[in-house]
Amino acid sequence: MNRRLFKMDKVIDYYSRFDEWGRLEREPIEFQVNWHFIKKRKN
């Protein structure tokens, strides 16, 4: 399995497990900040 896909699966699992998707609808700027750091860590 592609390493990047594995990491994305873990992120998706986390967001699904703790209802983060609903929270992101309420606070979309937080997602953008988190996504910035997620992308930064993969380099």
C-alpha atoms as a PDB file:
ATOM      1  CA  MET A   1       0.000   0.000   0.000  1.00  0.00           C
ATOM      2  CA  ASN A   2       1.212   3.470  -0.817  1.00  0.00           C
ATOM      3  CA  ARG A   3       2.562   5.146   2.312  1.00  0.00           C
ATOM      4  CA  ARG A   4       0.694   8.391   1.607  1.00  0.00           C
ATOM      5  CA  LEU A   5      -2.599   6.513   1.222  1.00  0.00           C
ATOM      6  CA  PHE A   6      -1.978   4.728   4.522  1.00  0.00           C
ATOM      7  CA  LYS A   7      -1.493   8.063   6.289  1.00  0.00           C
ATOM      8  CA  MET A   8      -4.636   9.478   4.686  1.00  0.00           C
ATOM      9  CA  ASP A   9      -6.573   6.404   5.805  1.00  0.00           C
ATOM     10  CA  LYS A  10      -5.436   7.084   9.378  1.00  0.00           C
ATOM     11  CA  VAL A  11      -6.556  10.718   9.124  1.00  0.00           C
ATOM     12  CA  ILE A  12      -9.924   9.690   7.680  1.00  0.00           C
ATOM     13  CA  ASP A  13     -10.349   7.068  10.417  1.00  0.00           C
ATOM     14  CA  TYR A  14      -9.600   9.636  13.126  1.00  0.00           C
ATOM     15  CA  TYR A  15     -12.023  12.178  11.691  1.00  0.00           C
ATOM     16  CA  SER A  16     -14.728   9.518  11.367  1.00  0.00           C
ATOM     17  CA  ARG A  17     -14.223   8.079  14.830  1.00  0.00           C
ATOM     18  CA  PHE A  18     -14.514  11.363  16.721  1.00  0.00           C
ATOM     19  CA  ASP A  19     -17.123  13.108  14.510  1.00  0.00           C
ATOM     20  CA  GLU A  20     -14.522  15.582  13.355  1.00  0.00           C
ATOM     21  CA  TRP A  21     -16.321  15.929  10.002  1.00  0.00           C
ATOM     22  CA  GLY A  22     -19.246  17.660  11.717  1.00  0.00           C
ATOM     23  CA  ARG A  23     -16.906  19.893  13.657  1.00  0.00           C
ATOM     24  CA  LEU A  24     -15.104  20.877  10.460  1.00  0.00           C
ATOM     25  CA  GLU A  25     -18.379  22.158   9.051  1.00  0.00           C
ATOM     26  CA  ARG A  26     -18.645  24.439  12.059  1.00  0.00           C
ATOM     27  CA  GLU A  27     -14.978  25.479  12.123  1.00  0.00           C
ATOM     28  CA  PRO A  28     -13.521  25.181   8.597  1.00  0.00           C
ATOM     29  CA  ILE A  29     -10.520  27.436   9.290  1.00  0.00           C
ATOM     30  CA  GLU A  30      -9.264  24.937  11.870  1.00  0.00           C
ATOM     31  CA  PHE A  31      -9.190  22.256   9.188  1.00  0.00           C
ATOM     32  CA  GLN A  32      -7.106  24.480   6.937  1.00  0.00           C
ATOM     33  CA  VAL A  33      -4.583  25.059   9.729  1.00  0.00           C
ATOM     34  CA  ASN A  34      -4.432  21.349  10.585  1.00  0.00           C
ATOM     35  CA  TRP A  35      -4.110  20.390   6.909  1.00  0.00           C
ATOM     36  CA  HIS A  36      -1.169  22.798   6.543  1.00  0.00           C
ATOM     37  CA  PHE A  37       0.726  20.995   9.310  1.00  0.00           C
ATOM     38  CA  ILE A  38      -0.266  17.531   8.071  1.00  0.00           C
ATOM     39  CA  LYS A  39       1.178  18.351   4.641  1.00  0.00           C
ATOM     40  CA  LYS A  40       4.276  19.916   6.188  1.00  0.00           C
ATOM     41  CA  ARG A  41       5.039  16.768   8.235  1.00  0.00           C
ATOM     42  CA  LYS A  42       4.969  14.450   5.225  1.00  0.00           C
ATOM     43  CA  ASN A  43       8.003  16.174   3.666  1.00  0.00           C
END
